Amino acid sequence: MYKGGVIVSFIKKNYQGILLAFILGLVATYLGSNFSVVGGPVFGILLGMLVAFFPRKGSFEPGITFTSKKILQSAIVLLGFSLNLFQIFKVGKKSILIILSTITTALVVAYFLGKLFKVPTNVATMVGTGSSICGGSAIAATAPVINAKDDEVATSMSVIFFFNMIAALTFPMLGTWLGMSDIGFGMWTGTAVNDTSSVVAAGQSWSSMHGNDVALNYATIVKLTRTLAIIPITLCLAFYNSKKNKEVNVKFTKTFPWFVVYFFLAAVFSTIFHLNADLVDGLTTLSKFMITMAMVAVGLNTNIVKLVKSGAKPLVLGFCCWISIMGVSLLMQQVLHIW
């Protein structure tokens, strides 16, 4: 098919969902600008969840999914143009011990409490990796490695997204109550919130409250550094599962989070060419609006009824993983004198 045909096909397939997220994103951005203590992304999630209660045509779904995934990833890449490569290495180096501690904690808690609560092994594994690394992306990468069933993937995703919503809504308030600094909050959010979408949402809400992007930039860098753990974790699971099943087929080109690479390339470009300040501000503003759009889409995809039907045990397991990560992150920051 020629390029024009591909573009027309894409527009026909996705425009309804993208347009819905765009309109609600404008409303959320307006509300966020007037109530900075809440912020556009949080309003986006709430509006999306509210609209999700009303029936909608299936033709909206492709565009909503595209917005929650691809537009969010594009927004993160744009954030890279506002960062210096040396800053990324500095933050990544500072956070590595906290990241390793939280990942180890979540996996250990998921393993032992999964056994205790008699949660299916695949669900416990995906909740553990989703909590500790990068939410839905980690689950998507892990599922084919452990031969997870569709219903197990759906349950794990629902648990992770539920706590993503809570994190995006509550972390800025909790951080303020704890008296955290911009750097401390960025580090905490980047290491203790499950999914990239909720990390940037919480970081942007905090930045709106405090009038600078320090927390947002720190949270994004730390989260993307943490995302890279998907590679060794998936390889280890593949190796372990290969002993049980010789036909474990893992396509890393599909599961690897390539947007992380593009984010670093954007930072490299910005570091080398020293972009104009007005251009950087424009890209940052566009990125923030795209994040709000993505949050609307995440809210639209949140199915509270399906989560309740999946049962209480996976939810309790996800809660225990999340709380343990939060506590270990704060403890490590105290030990390292960051917070």
C-alpha atoms as a PDB file:
ATOM      1  CA  MET A   1       0.000   0.000   0.000  1.00  0.00           C
ATOM      2  CA  TYR A   2       1.341   3.472  -0.891  1.00  0.00           C
ATOM      3  CA  LYS A   3       2.173   5.928   1.899  1.00  0.00           C
ATOM      4  CA  GLY A   4      -0.910   8.069   1.350  1.00  0.00           C
ATOM      5  CA  GLY A   5      -3.095   5.009   1.662  1.00  0.00           C
ATOM      6  CA  VAL A   6      -1.392   3.996   4.896  1.00  0.00           C
ATOM      7  CA  ILE A   7      -1.948   7.464   6.365  1.00  0.00           C
ATOM      8  CA  VAL A   8      -5.608   7.529   5.327  1.00  0.00           C
ATOM      9  CA  SER A   9      -6.111   4.043   6.795  1.00  0.00           C
ATOM     10  CA  PHE A  10      -4.455   5.117  10.060  1.00  0.00           C
ATOM     11  CA  ILE A  11      -6.647   8.222  10.339  1.00  0.00           C
ATOM     12  CA  LYS A  12      -9.859   6.268   9.658  1.00  0.00           C
ATOM     13  CA  LYS A  13      -8.919   3.689  12.263  1.00  0.00           C
ATOM     14  CA  ASN A  14      -7.731   6.003  15.048  1.00  0.00           C
ATOM     15  CA  TYR A  15      -9.190   9.485  14.648  1.00  0.00           C
ATOM     16  CA  GLN A  16     -12.251   9.027  16.878  1.00  0.00           C
ATOM     17  CA  GLY A  17     -10.309   7.860  19.932  1.00  0.00           C
ATOM     18  CA  ILE A  18      -7.528  10.412  19.436  1.00  0.00           C
ATOM     19  CA  LEU A  19     -10.055  13.231  18.975  1.00  0.00           C
ATOM     20  CA  LEU A  20     -11.920  12.236  22.142  1.00  0.00           C
ATOM     21  CA  ALA A  21      -8.648  12.199  24.123  1.00  0.00           C
ATOM     22  CA  PHE A  22      -7.664  15.544  22.558  1.00  0.00           C
ATOM     23  CA  ILE A  23     -10.931  17.278  23.529  1.00  0.00           C
ATOM     24  CA  LEU A  24     -10.901  15.892  27.064  1.00  0.00           C
ATOM     25  CA  GLY A  25      -7.180  16.756  27.238  1.00  0.00           C
ATOM     26  CA  LEU A  26      -7.975  20.406  26.469  1.00  0.00           C
ATOM     27  CA  VAL A  27     -10.583  20.441  29.244  1.00  0.00           C
ATOM     28  CA  ALA A  28      -8.155  18.763  31.669  1.00  0.00           C
ATOM     29  CA  THR A  29      -5.372  21.212  30.760  1.00  0.00           C
ATOM     30  CA  TYR A  30      -7.693  24.172  31.360  1.00  0.00           C
ATOM     31  CA  LEU A  31      -8.762  22.778  34.734  1.00  0.00           C
ATOM     32  CA  GLY A  32      -5.154  22.018  35.625  1.00  0.00           C
ATOM     33  CA  SER A  33      -4.054  25.564  34.824  1.00  0.00           C
ATOM     34  CA  ASN A  34      -6.701  26.899  37.202  1.00  0.00           C
ATOM     35  CA  PHE A  35      -6.142  24.274  39.911  1.00  0.00           C
ATOM     36  CA  SER A  36      -2.389  23.640  39.792  1.00  0.00           C
ATOM     37  CA  VAL A  37      -2.529  21.730  43.068  1.00  0.00           C
ATOM     38  CA  VAL A  38      -4.267  18.965  41.093  1.00  0.00           C
ATOM     39  CA  GLY A  39      -2.740  19.404  37.657  1.00  0.00           C
ATOM     40  CA  GLY A  40      -3.819  18.546  34.119  1.00  0.00           C
ATOM     41  CA  PRO A  41      -2.801  14.864  34.101  1.00  0.00           C
ATOM     42  CA  VAL A  42      -4.824  14.036  37.203  1.00  0.00           C
ATOM     43  CA  PHE A  43      -7.856  15.844  35.792  1.00  0.00           C
ATOM     44  CA  GLY A  44      -7.241  13.870  32.591  1.00  0.00           C
ATOM     45  CA  ILE A  45      -7.384  10.551  34.431  1.00  0.00           C
ATOM     46  CA  LEU A  46     -10.537  11.546  36.325  1.00  0.00           C
ATOM     47  CA  LEU A  47     -12.308  12.799  33.192  1.00  0.00           C
ATOM     48  CA  GLY A  48     -11.334   9.625  31.332  1.00  0.00           C
ATOM     49  CA  MET A  49     -12.613   7.394  34.145  1.00  0.00           C
ATOM     50  CA  LEU A  50     -15.864   9.398  34.285  1.00  0.00           C
ATOM     51  CA  VAL A  51     -16.481   9.101  30.535  1.00  0.00           C
ATOM     52  CA  ALA A  52     -15.550   5.384  30.688  1.00  0.00           C
ATOM     53  CA  PHE A  53     -18.755   4.699  32.616  1.00  0.00           C
ATOM     54  CA  PHE A  54     -20.783   5.624  29.518  1.00  0.00           C
ATOM     55  CA  PRO A  55     -21.107   3.135  26.636  1.00  0.00           C
ATOM     56  CA  ARG A  56     -19.036   3.951  23.547  1.00  0.00           C
ATOM     57  CA  LYS A  57     -18.585   2.468  20.102  1.00  0.00           C
ATOM     58  CA  GLY A  58     -15.776  -0.015  19.520  1.00  0.00           C
ATOM     59  CA  SER A  59     -14.421   2.299  16.808  1.00  0.00           C
ATOM     60  CA  PHE A  60     -13.026   4.548  19.580  1.00  0.00           C
ATOM     61  CA  GLU A  61     -10.777   1.848  21.026  1.00  0.00           C
ATOM     62  CA  PRO A  62      -7.851   1.834  18.521  1.00  0.00           C
ATOM     63  CA  GLY A  63      -7.331   5.593  18.891  1.00  0.00           C
ATOM     64  CA  ILE A  64      -7.598   5.461  22.673  1.00  0.00           C
ATOM     65  CA  THR A  65      -5.013   2.668  22.827  1.00  0.00           C
ATOM     66  CA  PHE A  66      -2.738   4.580  20.425  1.00  0.00           C
ATOM     67  CA  THR A  67      -2.979   7.683  22.630  1.00  0.00           C
ATOM     68  CA  SER A  68      -2.266   5.836  25.879  1.00  0.00           C
ATOM     69  CA  LYS A  69       0.811   4.137  24.398  1.00  0.00           C
ATOM     70  CA  LYS A  70       2.342   5.892  21.395  1.00  0.00           C
ATOM     71  CA  ILE A  71       1.426   9.494  22.200  1.00  0.00           C
ATOM     72  CA  LEU A  72       2.694   9.016  25.754  1.00  0.00           C
ATOM     73  CA  GLN A  73       5.966   7.560  24.473  1.00  0.00           C
ATOM     74  CA  SER A  74       6.312  10.440  22.005  1.00  0.00           C
ATOM     75  CA  ALA A  75       5.739  12.915  24.848  1.00  0.00           C
ATOM     76  CA  ILE A  76       8.565  11.330  26.831  1.00  0.00           C
ATOM     77  CA  VAL A  77      10.878  11.556  23.806  1.00  0.00           C
ATOM     78  CA  LEU A  78      10.075  15.279  23.531  1.00  0.00           C
ATOM     79  CA  LEU A  79      11.017  15.712  27.200  1.00  0.00           C
ATOM     80  CA  GLY A  80      14.480  14.457  26.238  1.00  0.00           C
ATOM     81  CA  PHE A  81      15.089  17.671  24.267  1.00  0.00           C
ATOM     82  CA  SER A  82      14.853  19.664  27.518  1.00  0.00           C
ATOM     83  CA  LEU A  83      17.540  17.584  29.260  1.00  0.00           C
ATOM     84  CA  ASN A  84      21.315  17.463  29.204  1.00  0.00           C
ATOM     85  CA  LEU A  85      22.960  14.076  28.706  1.00  0.00           C
ATOM     86  CA  PHE A  86      25.294  14.639  31.664  1.00  0.00           C
ATOM     87  CA  GLN A  87      22.268  15.341  33.861  1.00  0.00           C
ATOM     88  CA  ILE A  88      20.731  12.020  32.798  1.00  0.00           C
ATOM     89  CA  PHE A  89      23.892  10.082  33.696  1.00  0.00           C
ATOM     90  CA  LYS A  90      24.167  11.907  37.022  1.00  0.00           C
ATOM     91  CA  VAL A  91      20.565  11.153  38.013  1.00  0.00           C
ATOM     92  CA  GLY A  92      20.741   7.577  36.728  1.00  0.00           C
ATOM     93  CA  LYS A  93      23.914   6.897  38.699  1.00  0.00           C
ATOM     94  CA  LYS A  94      22.402   8.381  41.860  1.00  0.00           C
ATOM     95  CA  SER A  95      19.240   6.285  41.568  1.00  0.00           C
ATOM     96  CA  ILE A  96      20.703   2.887  40.640  1.00  0.00           C
ATOM     97  CA  LEU A  97      20.932   1.540  44.207  1.00  0.00           C
ATOM     98  CA  ILE A  98      17.359   2.576  44.935  1.00  0.00           C
ATOM     99  CA  ILE A  99      16.151   0.994  41.695  1.00  0.00           C
ATOM    100  CA  LEU A 100      17.894  -2.304  42.425  1.00  0.00           C
ATOM    101  CA  SER A 101      16.510  -2.312  45.979  1.00  0.00           C
ATOM    102  CA  THR A 102      12.911  -1.672  44.923  1.00  0.00           C
ATOM    103  CA  ILE A 103      12.993  -4.209  42.080  1.00  0.00           C
ATOM    104  CA  THR A 104      14.407  -6.909  44.368  1.00  0.00           C
ATOM    105  CA  THR A 105      11.856  -6.086  47.066  1.00  0.00           C
ATOM    106  CA  ALA A 106       8.867  -6.280  44.711  1.00  0.00           C
ATOM    107  CA  LEU A 107       9.953  -9.584  43.167  1.00  0.00           C
ATOM    108  CA  VAL A 108      10.604 -11.185  46.570  1.00  0.00           C
ATOM    109  CA  VAL A 109       7.288  -9.933  48.008  1.00  0.00           C
ATOM    110  CA  ALA A 110       5.389 -11.116  44.911  1.00  0.00           C
ATOM    111  CA  TYR A 111       6.988 -14.553  45.092  1.00  0.00           C
ATOM    112  CA  PHE A 112       6.409 -15.285  48.776  1.00  0.00           C
ATOM    113  CA  LEU A 113       3.028 -13.580  49.197  1.00  0.00           C
ATOM    114  CA  GLY A 114       1.873 -15.134  45.928  1.00  0.00           C
ATOM    115  CA  LYS A 115       2.554 -18.534  47.498  1.00  0.00           C
ATOM    116  CA  LEU A 116       0.919 -17.483  50.777  1.00  0.00           C
ATOM    117  CA  PHE A 117      -2.240 -16.073  49.144  1.00  0.00           C
ATOM    118  CA  LYS A 118      -2.327 -18.913  46.586  1.00  0.00           C
ATOM    119  CA  VAL A 119      -2.316 -16.462  43.683  1.00  0.00           C
ATOM    120  CA  PRO A 120      -1.634 -18.224  40.334  1.00  0.00           C
ATOM    121  CA  THR A 121       2.122 -18.256  39.698  1.00  0.00           C
ATOM    122  CA  ASN A 122       1.879 -16.422  36.380  1.00  0.00           C
ATOM    123  CA  VAL A 123      -0.263 -13.661  37.888  1.00  0.00           C
ATOM    124  CA  ALA A 124       2.115 -13.257  40.839  1.00  0.00           C
ATOM    125  CA  THR A 125       5.097 -13.095  38.465  1.00  0.00           C
ATOM    126  CA  MET A 126       3.485 -10.452  36.250  1.00  0.00           C
ATOM    127  CA  VAL A 127       2.263  -8.366  39.188  1.00  0.00           C
ATOM    128  CA  GLY A 128       5.798  -8.492  40.625  1.00  0.00           C
ATOM    129  CA  THR A 129       7.517  -7.471  37.391  1.00  0.00           C
ATOM    130  CA  GLY A 130       4.828  -4.908  36.578  1.00  0.00           C
ATOM    131  CA  SER A 131       5.141  -3.324  40.028  1.00  0.00           C
ATOM    132  CA  SER A 132       8.922  -3.302  40.065  1.00  0.00           C
ATOM    133  CA  ILE A 133       9.889  -2.357  36.502  1.00  0.00           C
ATOM    134  CA  CYS A 134       7.493  -0.620  34.143  1.00  0.00           C
ATOM    135  CA  GLY A 135       3.879  -1.608  34.665  1.00  0.00           C
ATOM    136  CA  GLY A 136       2.007  -2.762  31.580  1.00  0.00           C
ATOM    137  CA  SER A 137       5.132  -2.867  29.399  1.00  0.00           C
ATOM    138  CA  ALA A 138       6.823  -5.307  31.770  1.00  0.00           C
ATOM    139  CA  ILE A 139       3.709  -7.485  31.847  1.00  0.00           C
ATOM    140  CA  ALA A 140       3.531  -7.451  28.044  1.00  0.00           C
ATOM    141  CA  ALA A 141       7.189  -8.492  27.833  1.00  0.00           C
ATOM    142  CA  THR A 142       6.879 -11.144  30.545  1.00  0.00           C
ATOM    143  CA  ALA A 143       3.627 -12.783  29.396  1.00  0.00           C
ATOM    144  CA  PRO A 144       4.993 -14.667  26.360  1.00  0.00           C
ATOM    145  CA  VAL A 145       8.074 -15.755  28.294  1.00  0.00           C
ATOM    146  CA  ILE A 146       6.051 -17.530  30.978  1.00  0.00           C
ATOM    147  CA  ASN A 147       3.256 -18.631  28.614  1.00  0.00           C
ATOM    148  CA  ALA A 148       0.629 -16.622  30.493  1.00  0.00           C
ATOM    149  CA  LYS A 149      -3.026 -16.982  29.535  1.00  0.00           C
ATOM    150  CA  ASP A 150      -5.083 -14.009  28.341  1.00  0.00           C
ATOM    151  CA  ASP A 151      -7.178 -13.882  31.510  1.00  0.00           C
ATOM    152  CA  GLU A 152      -4.009 -13.908  33.647  1.00  0.00           C
ATOM    153  CA  VAL A 153      -2.587 -11.006  31.640  1.00  0.00           C
ATOM    154  CA  ALA A 154      -5.879  -9.094  31.960  1.00  0.00           C
ATOM    155  CA  THR A 155      -5.969  -9.611  35.735  1.00  0.00           C
ATOM    156  CA  SER A 156      -2.341  -8.495  36.158  1.00  0.00           C
ATOM    157  CA  MET A 157      -2.856  -5.446  33.948  1.00  0.00           C
ATOM    158  CA  SER A 158      -5.991  -4.443  35.876  1.00  0.00           C
ATOM    159  CA  VAL A 159      -4.162  -4.647  39.211  1.00  0.00           C
ATOM    160  CA  ILE A 160      -1.239  -2.564  37.948  1.00  0.00           C
ATOM    161  CA  PHE A 161      -3.453   0.085  36.340  1.00  0.00           C
ATOM    162  CA  PHE A 162      -5.548   0.360  39.505  1.00  0.00           C
ATOM    163  CA  PHE A 163      -2.528   1.291  41.615  1.00  0.00           C
ATOM    164  CA  ASN A 164      -1.270   3.547  38.823  1.00  0.00           C
ATOM    165  CA  MET A 165      -4.451   5.589  39.199  1.00  0.00           C
ATOM    166  CA  ILE A 166      -4.057   5.798  42.960  1.00  0.00           C
ATOM    167  CA  ALA A 167      -0.393   6.816  42.642  1.00  0.00           C
ATOM    168  CA  ALA A 168      -1.044   9.569  40.103  1.00  0.00           C
ATOM    169  CA  LEU A 169      -3.823  10.969  42.294  1.00  0.00           C
ATOM    170  CA  THR A 170      -2.157  10.709  45.709  1.00  0.00           C
ATOM    171  CA  PHE A 171       1.626  10.955  45.332  1.00  0.00           C
ATOM    172  CA  PRO A 172       1.822  14.771  45.014  1.00  0.00           C
ATOM    173  CA  MET A 173      -0.256  15.144  48.179  1.00  0.00           C
ATOM    174  CA  LEU A 174       1.759  12.497  50.031  1.00  0.00           C
ATOM    175  CA  GLY A 175       5.024  14.112  48.946  1.00  0.00           C
ATOM    176  CA  THR A 176       3.855  17.496  50.202  1.00  0.00           C
ATOM    177  CA  TRP A 177       2.728  15.963  53.512  1.00  0.00           C
ATOM    178  CA  LEU A 178       6.143  14.305  53.914  1.00  0.00           C
ATOM    179  CA  GLY A 179       7.895  17.597  53.184  1.00  0.00           C
ATOM    180  CA  MET A 180       9.878  16.204  50.264  1.00  0.00           C
ATOM    181  CA  SER A 181      12.205  18.262  48.080  1.00  0.00           C
ATOM    182  CA  ASP A 182      11.771  18.420  44.297  1.00  0.00           C
ATOM    183  CA  ILE A 183      14.644  15.957  43.815  1.00  0.00           C
ATOM    184  CA  GLY A 184      13.416  13.672  46.583  1.00  0.00           C
ATOM    185  CA  PHE A 185       9.911  13.556  45.146  1.00  0.00           C
ATOM    186  CA  GLY A 186      11.206  12.916  41.632  1.00  0.00           C
ATOM    187  CA  MET A 187      13.378  10.065  42.904  1.00  0.00           C
ATOM    188  CA  TRP A 188      10.526   8.595  44.955  1.00  0.00           C
ATOM    189  CA  THR A 189       8.039   8.793  42.099  1.00  0.00           C
ATOM    190  CA  GLY A 190      10.489   7.352  39.581  1.00  0.00           C
ATOM    191  CA  THR A 191      11.244   4.337  41.770  1.00  0.00           C
ATOM    192  CA  ALA A 192       7.931   3.714  43.562  1.00  0.00           C
ATOM    193  CA  VAL A 193       5.217   4.247  40.932  1.00  0.00           C
ATOM    194  CA  ASN A 194       4.465   1.304  38.652  1.00  0.00           C
ATOM    195  CA  ASP A 195       3.847   2.593  35.145  1.00  0.00           C
ATOM    196  CA  THR A 196       5.604   5.306  33.134  1.00  0.00           C
ATOM    197  CA  SER A 197       2.302   7.087  32.500  1.00  0.00           C
ATOM    198  CA  SER A 198       1.579   7.576  36.206  1.00  0.00           C
ATOM    199  CA  VAL A 199       5.196   8.531  36.919  1.00  0.00           C
ATOM    200  CA  VAL A 200       5.109  11.440  34.486  1.00  0.00           C
ATOM    201  CA  ALA A 201       1.574  12.368  35.590  1.00  0.00           C
ATOM    202  CA  ALA A 202       2.590  12.589  39.255  1.00  0.00           C
ATOM    203  CA  GLY A 203       5.827  14.367  38.337  1.00  0.00           C
ATOM    204  CA  GLN A 204       4.013  16.931  36.217  1.00  0.00           C
ATOM    205  CA  SER A 205       1.395  17.541  38.933  1.00  0.00           C
ATOM    206  CA  TRP A 206       4.181  18.170  41.463  1.00  0.00           C
ATOM    207  CA  SER A 207       5.963  20.476  39.009  1.00  0.00           C
ATOM    208  CA  SER A 208       2.755  22.448  38.449  1.00  0.00           C
ATOM    209  CA  MET A 209       2.382  22.866  42.207  1.00  0.00           C
ATOM    210  CA  HIS A 210       5.981  24.009  42.738  1.00  0.00           C
ATOM    211  CA  GLY A 211       6.620  26.045  39.600  1.00  0.00           C
ATOM    212  CA  ASN A 212       9.554  24.096  38.133  1.00  0.00           C
ATOM    213  CA  ASP A 213      10.242  20.891  36.212  1.00  0.00           C
ATOM    214  CA  VAL A 214      12.928  19.425  38.491  1.00  0.00           C
ATOM    215  CA  ALA A 215      10.718  16.668  39.905  1.00  0.00           C
ATOM    216  CA  LEU A 216       9.255  15.839  36.478  1.00  0.00           C
ATOM    217  CA  ASN A 217      12.703  15.523  34.888  1.00  0.00           C
ATOM    218  CA  TYR A 218      14.111  13.458  37.768  1.00  0.00           C
ATOM    219  CA  ALA A 219      11.080  11.172  37.847  1.00  0.00           C
ATOM    220  CA  THR A 220      11.246  10.602  34.076  1.00  0.00           C
ATOM    221  CA  ILE A 221      14.982   9.868  34.011  1.00  0.00           C
ATOM    222  CA  VAL A 222      14.804   7.506  36.992  1.00  0.00           C
ATOM    223  CA  LYS A 223      11.772   5.696  35.559  1.00  0.00           C
ATOM    224  CA  LEU A 224      13.406   5.192  32.165  1.00  0.00           C
ATOM    225  CA  THR A 225      16.585   3.933  33.845  1.00  0.00           C
ATOM    226  CA  ARG A 226      14.428   1.498  35.802  1.00  0.00           C
ATOM    227  CA  THR A 227      12.642   0.433  32.607  1.00  0.00           C
ATOM    228  CA  LEU A 228      15.900  -0.967  31.220  1.00  0.00           C
ATOM    229  CA  ALA A 229      15.689  -3.715  33.858  1.00  0.00           C
ATOM    230  CA  ILE A 230      13.084  -5.345  31.630  1.00  0.00           C
ATOM    231  CA  ILE A 231      15.939  -6.856  29.600  1.00  0.00           C
ATOM    232  CA  PRO A 232      17.772  -8.900  32.295  1.00  0.00           C
ATOM    233  CA  ILE A 233      14.530  -9.818  34.093  1.00  0.00           C
ATOM    234  CA  THR A 234      12.927 -11.150  30.916  1.00  0.00           C
ATOM    235  CA  LEU A 235      16.092 -13.043  29.984  1.00  0.00           C
ATOM    236  CA  CYS A 236      16.219 -14.662  33.435  1.00  0.00           C
ATOM    237  CA  LEU A 237      12.555 -15.675  33.225  1.00  0.00           C
ATOM    238  CA  ALA A 238      13.108 -17.064  29.741  1.00  0.00           C
ATOM    239  CA  PHE A 239      16.083 -19.093  30.948  1.00  0.00           C
ATOM    240  CA  TYR A 240      14.144 -20.399  33.963  1.00  0.00           C
ATOM    241  CA  ASN A 241      11.071 -21.266  31.931  1.00  0.00           C
ATOM    242  CA  SER A 242      13.135 -22.977  29.236  1.00  0.00           C
ATOM    243  CA  LYS A 243      13.852 -25.755  31.711  1.00  0.00           C
ATOM    244  CA  LYS A 244      10.125 -26.495  31.854  1.00  0.00           C
ATOM    245  CA  ASN A 245       9.230 -25.734  28.274  1.00  0.00           C
ATOM    246  CA  LYS A 246      11.726 -25.959  25.442  1.00  0.00           C
ATOM    247  CA  GLU A 247       9.670 -23.778  23.118  1.00  0.00           C
ATOM    248  CA  VAL A 248       9.914 -20.364  24.723  1.00  0.00           C
ATOM    249  CA  ASN A 249       9.827 -17.773  21.956  1.00  0.00           C
ATOM    250  CA  VAL A 250      10.690 -14.206  22.979  1.00  0.00           C
ATOM    251  CA  LYS A 251      10.745 -11.410  20.377  1.00  0.00           C
ATOM    252  CA  PHE A 252      12.766  -8.663  22.061  1.00  0.00           C
ATOM    253  CA  THR A 253      12.397  -6.342  19.082  1.00  0.00           C
ATOM    254  CA  LYS A 254       8.677  -6.153  19.880  1.00  0.00           C
ATOM    255  CA  THR A 255       8.847  -6.060  23.675  1.00  0.00           C
ATOM    256  CA  PHE A 256      11.889  -3.803  24.121  1.00  0.00           C
ATOM    257  CA  PRO A 257      10.859  -0.204  25.060  1.00  0.00           C
ATOM    258  CA  TRP A 258      12.501   1.560  22.097  1.00  0.00           C
ATOM    259  CA  PHE A 259      11.159   4.951  23.163  1.00  0.00           C
ATOM    260  CA  VAL A 260      13.770   4.899  25.949  1.00  0.00           C
ATOM    261  CA  VAL A 261      16.495   4.846  23.283  1.00  0.00           C
ATOM    262  CA  TYR A 262      14.832   7.732  21.423  1.00  0.00           C
ATOM    263  CA  PHE A 263      14.596   9.692  24.681  1.00  0.00           C
ATOM    264  CA  PHE A 264      18.358   9.382  25.184  1.00  0.00           C
ATOM    265  CA  LEU A 265      19.011  10.307  21.539  1.00  0.00           C
ATOM    266  CA  ALA A 266      16.912  13.451  22.003  1.00  0.00           C
ATOM    267  CA  ALA A 267      18.995  14.342  25.050  1.00  0.00           C
ATOM    268  CA  VAL A 268      22.203  13.712  23.072  1.00  0.00           C
ATOM    269  CA  PHE A 269      20.946  16.034  20.319  1.00  0.00           C
ATOM    270  CA  SER A 270      20.050  18.711  22.874  1.00  0.00           C
ATOM    271  CA  THR A 271      23.445  18.389  24.607  1.00  0.00           C
ATOM    272  CA  ILE A 272      25.434  18.717  21.366  1.00  0.00           C
ATOM    273  CA  PHE A 273      23.467  21.453  19.603  1.00  0.00           C
ATOM    274  CA  HIS A 274      22.283  23.595  22.580  1.00  0.00           C
ATOM    275  CA  LEU A 275      18.722  24.195  21.403  1.00  0.00           C
ATOM    276  CA  ASN A 276      17.068  27.611  21.563  1.00  0.00           C
ATOM    277  CA  ALA A 277      15.320  28.205  24.899  1.00  0.00           C
ATOM    278  CA  ASP A 278      12.004  29.177  23.255  1.00  0.00           C
ATOM    279  CA  LEU A 279      12.066  25.994  21.157  1.00  0.00           C
ATOM    280  CA  VAL A 280      12.736  23.874  24.249  1.00  0.00           C
ATOM    281  CA  ASP A 281       9.874  25.584  26.111  1.00  0.00           C
ATOM    282  CA  GLY A 282       7.558  24.913  23.181  1.00  0.00           C
ATOM    283  CA  LEU A 283       8.514  21.240  23.007  1.00  0.00           C
ATOM    284  CA  THR A 284       8.096  20.901  26.778  1.00  0.00           C
ATOM    285  CA  THR A 285       4.633  22.514  26.670  1.00  0.00           C
ATOM    286  CA  LEU A 286       3.606  20.202  23.816  1.00  0.00           C
ATOM    287  CA  SER A 287       4.977  17.223  25.717  1.00  0.00           C
ATOM    288  CA  LYS A 288       2.968  18.093  28.812  1.00  0.00           C
ATOM    289  CA  PHE A 289      -0.252  18.362  26.825  1.00  0.00           C
ATOM    290  CA  MET A 290       0.449  15.002  25.170  1.00  0.00           C
ATOM    291  CA  ILE A 291       0.976  13.502  28.633  1.00  0.00           C
ATOM    292  CA  THR A 292      -2.423  14.850  29.703  1.00  0.00           C
ATOM    293  CA  MET A 293      -4.009  13.355  26.560  1.00  0.00           C
ATOM    294  CA  ALA A 294      -2.398  10.012  27.391  1.00  0.00           C
ATOM    295  CA  MET A 295      -3.755  10.192  30.927  1.00  0.00           C
ATOM    296  CA  VAL A 296      -7.250  10.732  29.527  1.00  0.00           C
ATOM    297  CA  ALA A 297      -6.784   7.584  27.448  1.00  0.00           C
ATOM    298  CA  VAL A 298      -5.542   5.632  30.467  1.00  0.00           C
ATOM    299  CA  GLY A 299      -8.656   6.721  32.360  1.00  0.00           C
ATOM    300  CA  LEU A 300     -10.864   5.716  29.432  1.00  0.00           C
ATOM    301  CA  ASN A 301      -9.265   2.262  29.486  1.00  0.00           C
ATOM    302  CA  THR A 302      -9.744   1.754  33.233  1.00  0.00           C
ATOM    303  CA  ASN A 303     -12.409  -0.858  33.893  1.00  0.00           C
ATOM    304  CA  ILE A 304     -13.224  -0.834  37.607  1.00  0.00           C
ATOM    305  CA  VAL A 305     -15.930  -3.499  37.203  1.00  0.00           C
ATOM    306  CA  LYS A 306     -13.515  -5.951  35.534  1.00  0.00           C
ATOM    307  CA  LEU A 307     -10.971  -5.343  38.302  1.00  0.00           C
ATOM    308  CA  VAL A 308     -13.497  -6.145  41.035  1.00  0.00           C
ATOM    309  CA  LYS A 309     -14.510  -9.340  39.224  1.00  0.00           C
ATOM    310  CA  SER A 310     -10.884 -10.531  39.079  1.00  0.00           C
ATOM    311  CA  GLY A 311     -10.952 -11.122  42.847  1.00  0.00           C
ATOM    312  CA  ALA A 312      -9.364  -9.665  45.944  1.00  0.00           C
ATOM    313  CA  LYS A 313      -6.167 -11.740  46.180  1.00  0.00           C
ATOM    314  CA  PRO A 314      -4.346 -10.248  43.163  1.00  0.00           C
ATOM    315  CA  LEU A 315      -5.326  -6.777  44.390  1.00  0.00           C
ATOM    316  CA  VAL A 316      -3.937  -7.472  47.873  1.00  0.00           C
ATOM    317  CA  LEU A 317      -0.741  -8.814  46.318  1.00  0.00           C
ATOM    318  CA  GLY A 318      -0.391  -5.716  44.135  1.00  0.00           C
ATOM    319  CA  PHE A 319      -1.010  -3.483  47.150  1.00  0.00           C
ATOM    320  CA  CYS A 320       1.663  -5.266  49.209  1.00  0.00           C
ATOM    321  CA  CYS A 321       4.190  -4.976  46.365  1.00  0.00           C
ATOM    322  CA  TRP A 322       3.433  -1.295  45.909  1.00  0.00           C
ATOM    323  CA  ILE A 323       3.591  -0.401  49.619  1.00  0.00           C
ATOM    324  CA  SER A 324       6.875  -2.297  50.039  1.00  0.00           C
ATOM    325  CA  ILE A 325       8.403  -0.450  47.077  1.00  0.00           C
ATOM    326  CA  MET A 326       7.286   2.901  48.467  1.00  0.00           C
ATOM    327  CA  GLY A 327       8.805   2.138  51.863  1.00  0.00           C
ATOM    328  CA  VAL A 328      12.109   0.798  50.527  1.00  0.00           C
ATOM    329  CA  SER A 329      12.475   3.800  48.197  1.00  0.00           C
ATOM    330  CA  LEU A 330      12.011   6.237  51.077  1.00  0.00           C
ATOM    331  CA  LEU A 331      14.352   4.225  53.308  1.00  0.00           C
ATOM    332  CA  MET A 332      17.098   4.119  50.673  1.00  0.00           C
ATOM    333  CA  GLN A 333      16.775   7.861  50.099  1.00  0.00           C
ATOM    334  CA  GLN A 334      17.304   8.406  53.819  1.00  0.00           C
ATOM    335  CA  VAL A 335      20.336   6.115  53.809  1.00  0.00           C
ATOM    336  CA  LEU A 336      21.826   7.880  50.770  1.00  0.00           C
ATOM    337  CA  HIS A 337      20.937  11.353  52.132  1.00  0.00           C
ATOM    338  CA  ILE A 338      18.879  12.286  49.045  1.00  0.00           C
ATOM    339  CA  TRP A 339      15.515  13.189  50.540  1.00  0.00           C
END
